[in-house]
Amino acid sequence: MHEITIANKIIEEAKKQGASKSMKIEVGELCELTALEIEEALRKLIDWNLEVNFVKSLVKCSCGYEGSARIVERGHGFCYFNCPSCGGNPKVLKGGEINITGVE
């Protein structure tokens, strides 16, 4: 149930930013939890207007590849990915985090 812990941290940060009735967040494709898992956990904890948006990954590899990551395996609490071109370990440029994009 670590999604509840993560959801509580998101709520705590949103409140620091002034949230009391609504929140917009972005959940990256490479996060350890999916956007749906985060949304479900948040809805259990708050009765706010909630908008959860999915952000596709963007990675850059030393082989020259730049684009979406290849997800090798995803499970509850983890996401293993690599470069679809060479199989290497690319740098995540986008889609690897959860961001609060608006509060009210």
N, C-alpha and C. Protein backbone atom coordinates (compact mmCIF):
# COMPACT_ATOMS: atom_id res chain seq x y z
N MET A 1 0.82 -1.20 0.00
CA MET A 1 0.00 0.00 0.00
C MET A 1 0.86 1.26 0.00
N HIS A 2 2.04 1.21 -0.62
CA HIS A 2 2.86 2.42 -0.63
C HIS A 2 2.28 3.51 -1.51
N GLU A 3 1.26 3.18 -2.34
CA GLU A 3 0.61 4.23 -3.12
C GLU A 3 -0.09 5.23 -2.21
N ILE A 4 -0.58 4.78 -1.05
CA ILE A 4 -1.21 5.69 -0.09
C ILE A 4 -0.15 6.64 0.49
N THR A 5 1.03 6.12 0.76
CA THR A 5 2.13 6.96 1.27
C THR A 5 2.48 8.02 0.24
N ILE A 6 2.59 7.63 -1.01
CA ILE A 6 2.91 8.58 -2.08
C ILE A 6 1.77 9.58 -2.24
N ALA A 7 0.54 9.11 -2.21
CA ALA A 7 -0.61 10.01 -2.32
C ALA A 7 -0.63 11.02 -1.18
N ASN A 8 -0.32 10.58 0.03
CA ASN A 8 -0.25 11.51 1.17
C ASN A 8 0.81 12.58 0.97
N LYS A 9 1.94 12.20 0.41
CA LYS A 9 3.01 13.18 0.13
C LYS A 9 2.56 14.18 -0.92
N ILE A 10 1.84 13.71 -1.94
CA ILE A 10 1.32 14.61 -2.97
C ILE A 10 0.33 15.60 -2.35
N ILE A 11 -0.56 15.10 -1.51
CA ILE A 11 -1.55 15.95 -0.85
C ILE A 11 -0.87 16.98 0.04
N GLU A 12 0.12 16.53 0.81
CA GLU A 12 0.86 17.43 1.70
C GLU A 12 1.51 18.57 0.89
N GLU A 13 2.14 18.22 -0.21
CA GLU A 13 2.77 19.24 -1.05
C GLU A 13 1.73 20.17 -1.68
N ALA A 14 0.62 19.61 -2.12
CA ALA A 14 -0.44 20.44 -2.71
C ALA A 14 -0.99 21.43 -1.69
N LYS A 15 -1.15 20.99 -0.45
CA LYS A 15 -1.63 21.89 0.61
C LYS A 15 -0.62 23.01 0.86
N LYS A 16 0.67 22.69 0.80
CA LYS A 16 1.71 23.73 0.95
C LYS A 16 1.58 24.77 -0.16
N GLN A 17 1.10 24.32 -1.31
CA GLN A 17 0.93 25.23 -2.45
C GLN A 17 -0.42 25.92 -2.43
N GLY A 18 -1.23 25.65 -1.40
CA GLY A 18 -2.51 26.33 -1.23
C GLY A 18 -3.74 25.55 -1.61
N ALA A 19 -3.62 24.28 -1.90
CA ALA A 19 -4.78 23.47 -2.30
C ALA A 19 -5.73 23.25 -1.14
N SER A 20 -7.01 23.35 -1.44
CA SER A 20 -8.02 23.02 -0.45
C SER A 20 -9.25 22.37 -1.09
N LYS A 21 -9.36 22.48 -2.43
CA LYS A 21 -10.52 21.88 -3.07
C LYS A 21 -10.25 21.26 -4.43
N SER A 22 -9.10 21.53 -5.04
CA SER A 22 -8.81 20.89 -6.32
C SER A 22 -7.30 20.81 -6.56
N MET A 23 -6.95 19.85 -7.42
CA MET A 23 -5.55 19.65 -7.73
C MET A 23 -5.44 19.02 -9.12
N LYS A 24 -4.43 19.46 -9.86
CA LYS A 24 -4.09 18.86 -11.15
C LYS A 24 -2.68 18.30 -11.02
N ILE A 25 -2.51 17.07 -11.47
CA ILE A 25 -1.18 16.47 -11.44
C ILE A 25 -0.89 15.76 -12.76
N GLU A 26 0.40 15.61 -13.01
CA GLU A 26 0.88 14.83 -14.14
C GLU A 26 1.66 13.64 -13.60
N VAL A 27 1.38 12.47 -14.14
CA VAL A 27 2.07 11.25 -13.73
C VAL A 27 2.80 10.68 -14.95
N GLY A 28 4.12 10.58 -14.84
CA GLY A 28 4.92 10.10 -15.94
C GLY A 28 4.79 8.61 -16.17
N GLU A 29 4.97 8.23 -17.42
CA GLU A 29 4.87 6.84 -17.86
C GLU A 29 5.86 5.93 -17.12
N LEU A 30 7.01 6.47 -16.71
CA LEU A 30 8.05 5.66 -16.09
C LEU A 30 8.03 5.69 -14.57
N CYS A 31 7.01 6.29 -13.99
CA CYS A 31 6.88 6.32 -12.53
C CYS A 31 6.64 4.91 -11.99
N GLU A 32 6.96 4.72 -10.73
CA GLU A 32 6.78 3.39 -10.13
C GLU A 32 5.31 3.01 -9.96
N LEU A 33 4.43 3.99 -10.00
CA LEU A 33 2.98 3.73 -9.97
C LEU A 33 2.35 4.34 -11.21
N THR A 34 1.29 3.75 -11.70
CA THR A 34 0.59 4.28 -12.87
C THR A 34 -0.28 5.47 -12.47
N ALA A 35 -0.69 6.22 -13.47
CA ALA A 35 -1.60 7.35 -13.22
C ALA A 35 -2.89 6.87 -12.57
N LEU A 36 -3.40 5.72 -12.99
CA LEU A 36 -4.62 5.17 -12.41
C LEU A 36 -4.43 4.81 -10.94
N GLU A 37 -3.31 4.18 -10.60
CA GLU A 37 -3.04 3.83 -9.19
C GLU A 37 -2.95 5.08 -8.32
N ILE A 38 -2.28 6.12 -8.82
CA ILE A 38 -2.17 7.37 -8.07
C ILE A 38 -3.55 8.01 -7.90
N GLU A 39 -4.31 8.04 -8.98
CA GLU A 39 -5.64 8.66 -8.92
C GLU A 39 -6.53 7.93 -7.92
N GLU A 40 -6.54 6.60 -7.95
CA GLU A 40 -7.37 5.83 -7.02
C GLU A 40 -6.96 6.09 -5.57
N ALA A 41 -5.67 6.15 -5.31
CA ALA A 41 -5.19 6.41 -3.94
C ALA A 41 -5.59 7.81 -3.48
N LEU A 42 -5.45 8.80 -4.35
CA LEU A 42 -5.82 10.16 -3.99
C LEU A 42 -7.31 10.27 -3.71
N ARG A 43 -8.12 9.62 -4.51
CA ARG A 43 -9.58 9.70 -4.33
C ARG A 43 -10.03 9.04 -3.02
N LYS A 44 -9.25 8.11 -2.50
CA LYS A 44 -9.56 7.50 -1.20
C LYS A 44 -9.29 8.47 -0.06
N LEU A 45 -8.39 9.43 -0.29
CA LEU A 45 -7.93 10.30 0.78
C LEU A 45 -8.53 11.70 0.77
N ILE A 46 -8.94 12.18 -0.39
CA ILE A 46 -9.47 13.55 -0.49
C ILE A 46 -10.75 13.56 -1.33
N ASP A 47 -11.56 14.56 -1.06
CA ASP A 47 -12.80 14.75 -1.82
C ASP A 47 -12.68 16.05 -2.61
N TRP A 48 -11.59 16.20 -3.33
CA TRP A 48 -11.33 17.39 -4.13
C TRP A 48 -11.63 17.09 -5.59
N ASN A 49 -11.78 18.15 -6.37
CA ASN A 49 -11.77 17.99 -7.82
C ASN A 49 -10.34 17.59 -8.17
N LEU A 50 -10.22 16.54 -8.94
CA LEU A 50 -8.91 15.98 -9.22
C LEU A 50 -8.77 15.71 -10.71
N GLU A 51 -7.69 16.21 -11.27
CA GLU A 51 -7.38 15.95 -12.67
C GLU A 51 -6.00 15.31 -12.72
N VAL A 52 -5.94 14.09 -13.24
CA VAL A 52 -4.67 13.35 -13.33
C VAL A 52 -4.38 13.13 -14.81
N ASN A 53 -3.25 13.63 -15.25
CA ASN A 53 -2.85 13.51 -16.65
C ASN A 53 -1.62 12.62 -16.79
N PHE A 54 -1.63 11.81 -17.82
CA PHE A 54 -0.55 10.89 -18.15
C PHE A 54 0.47 11.62 -19.02
N VAL A 55 1.77 11.44 -18.71
CA VAL A 55 2.84 12.04 -19.51
C VAL A 55 3.69 10.92 -20.10
N LYS A 56 3.73 10.86 -21.42
CA LYS A 56 4.53 9.86 -22.12
C LYS A 56 6.02 10.12 -21.87
N SER A 57 6.79 9.06 -21.90
CA SER A 57 8.22 9.18 -21.63
C SER A 57 8.98 9.79 -22.80
N LEU A 58 10.07 10.44 -22.47
CA LEU A 58 11.04 10.92 -23.44
C LEU A 58 12.41 10.64 -22.83
N VAL A 59 13.21 9.86 -23.53
CA VAL A 59 14.53 9.49 -23.03
C VAL A 59 15.59 9.80 -24.09
N LYS A 60 16.83 9.90 -23.63
CA LYS A 60 17.96 10.11 -24.53
C LYS A 60 19.05 9.12 -24.13
N CYS A 61 19.56 8.41 -25.12
CA CYS A 61 20.56 7.37 -24.87
C CYS A 61 21.91 7.78 -25.47
N SER A 62 22.96 7.23 -24.92
CA SER A 62 24.31 7.49 -25.43
C SER A 62 24.50 6.96 -26.85
N CYS A 63 23.64 6.07 -27.30
CA CYS A 63 23.72 5.54 -28.67
C CYS A 63 23.17 6.54 -29.69
N GLY A 64 22.54 7.63 -29.20
CA GLY A 64 21.98 8.64 -30.08
C GLY A 64 20.47 8.63 -30.15
N TYR A 65 19.85 7.57 -29.62
CA TYR A 65 18.39 7.48 -29.64
C TYR A 65 17.78 8.54 -28.74
N GLU A 66 16.71 9.17 -29.22
CA GLU A 66 15.90 10.07 -28.40
C GLU A 66 14.45 9.82 -28.77
N GLY A 67 13.66 9.45 -27.78
CA GLY A 67 12.25 9.15 -28.00
C GLY A 67 11.67 8.45 -26.79
N SER A 68 10.62 7.69 -27.00
CA SER A 68 9.97 6.98 -25.90
C SER A 68 10.82 5.80 -25.44
N ALA A 69 10.79 5.55 -24.14
CA ALA A 69 11.48 4.40 -23.58
C ALA A 69 10.73 3.13 -23.91
N ARG A 70 11.45 2.02 -23.89
CA ARG A 70 10.80 0.71 -24.01
C ARG A 70 10.64 0.18 -22.59
N ILE A 71 9.40 -0.05 -22.19
CA ILE A 71 9.14 -0.60 -20.85
C ILE A 71 9.32 -2.11 -20.95
N VAL A 72 10.26 -2.62 -20.18
CA VAL A 72 10.60 -4.03 -20.19
C VAL A 72 9.67 -4.80 -19.27
N GLU A 73 9.45 -4.23 -18.08
CA GLU A 73 8.56 -4.86 -17.11
C GLU A 73 8.02 -3.81 -16.16
N ARG A 74 6.76 -3.93 -15.85
CA ARG A 74 6.11 -3.03 -14.89
C ARG A 74 5.34 -3.87 -13.90
N GLY A 75 5.48 -3.50 -12.65
CA GLY A 75 4.75 -4.17 -11.59
C GLY A 75 4.37 -3.15 -10.55
N HIS A 76 3.75 -3.60 -9.51
CA HIS A 76 3.33 -2.69 -8.45
C HIS A 76 4.57 -2.16 -7.74
N GLY A 77 4.87 -0.90 -7.97
CA GLY A 77 6.00 -0.26 -7.30
C GLY A 77 7.29 -0.25 -8.10
N PHE A 78 7.26 -0.70 -9.36
CA PHE A 78 8.48 -0.62 -10.17
C PHE A 78 8.16 -0.51 -11.65
N CYS A 79 9.10 0.07 -12.39
CA CYS A 79 9.01 0.15 -13.84
C CYS A 79 10.43 0.03 -14.38
N TYR A 80 10.71 -1.08 -15.05
CA TYR A 80 12.01 -1.29 -15.68
C TYR A 80 11.89 -0.92 -17.15
N PHE A 81 12.82 -0.10 -17.62
CA PHE A 81 12.79 0.34 -19.00
C PHE A 81 14.20 0.42 -19.55
N ASN A 82 14.30 0.48 -20.88
CA ASN A 82 15.59 0.64 -21.51
C ASN A 82 15.44 1.39 -22.82
N CYS A 83 16.55 1.51 -23.53
CA CYS A 83 16.57 2.15 -24.84
C CYS A 83 16.06 1.14 -25.87
N PRO A 84 15.06 1.50 -26.66
CA PRO A 84 14.56 0.56 -27.65
C PRO A 84 15.53 0.32 -28.80
N SER A 85 16.53 1.17 -28.93
CA SER A 85 17.50 1.04 -30.02
C SER A 85 18.63 0.09 -29.67
N CYS A 86 19.25 0.29 -28.48
CA CYS A 86 20.43 -0.51 -28.13
C CYS A 86 20.25 -1.36 -26.87
N GLY A 87 19.17 -1.14 -26.13
CA GLY A 87 18.95 -1.87 -24.88
C GLY A 87 19.68 -1.27 -23.69
N GLY A 88 20.34 -0.13 -23.91
CA GLY A 88 21.09 0.53 -22.85
C GLY A 88 20.19 1.25 -21.85
N ASN A 89 20.84 1.94 -20.93
CA ASN A 89 20.17 2.66 -19.85
C ASN A 89 20.11 4.15 -20.21
N PRO A 90 19.00 4.62 -20.77
CA PRO A 90 18.91 6.01 -21.21
C PRO A 90 18.63 6.98 -20.07
N LYS A 91 18.93 8.24 -20.33
CA LYS A 91 18.61 9.32 -19.39
C LYS A 91 17.15 9.73 -19.62
N VAL A 92 16.41 9.86 -18.53
CA VAL A 92 15.00 10.27 -18.63
C VAL A 92 14.93 11.80 -18.73
N LEU A 93 14.33 12.27 -19.81
CA LEU A 93 14.13 13.71 -20.01
C LEU A 93 12.73 14.14 -19.57
N LYS A 94 11.77 13.23 -19.74
CA LYS A 94 10.38 13.55 -19.41
C LYS A 94 9.64 12.24 -19.12
N GLY A 95 8.66 12.31 -18.22
CA GLY A 95 7.82 11.15 -17.96
C GLY A 95 8.31 10.25 -16.84
N GLY A 96 9.20 10.76 -16.00
CA GLY A 96 9.72 9.94 -14.92
C GLY A 96 9.31 10.40 -13.53
N GLU A 97 8.40 11.35 -13.47
CA GLU A 97 8.04 11.89 -12.15
C GLU A 97 6.57 12.25 -12.08
N ILE A 98 6.18 12.65 -10.87
CA ILE A 98 4.82 13.14 -10.61
C ILE A 98 4.95 14.63 -10.31
N ASN A 99 4.18 15.43 -11.03
CA ASN A 99 4.22 16.89 -10.84
C ASN A 99 2.84 17.43 -10.53
N ILE A 100 2.79 18.34 -9.59
CA ILE A 100 1.55 19.08 -9.31
C ILE A 100 1.57 20.27 -10.26
N THR A 101 0.55 20.36 -11.11
CA THR A 101 0.53 21.43 -12.11
C THR A 101 -0.50 22.52 -11.81
N GLY A 102 -1.34 22.30 -10.81
CA GLY A 102 -2.32 23.31 -10.44
C GLY A 102 -3.03 22.95 -9.16
N VAL A 103 -3.35 23.97 -8.38
CA VAL A 103 -4.09 23.78 -7.12
C VAL A 103 -5.12 24.89 -6.98
N GLU A 104 -6.12 24.59 -6.21
CA GLU A 104 -7.13 25.61 -5.87
C GLU A 104 -7.67 25.30 -4.50
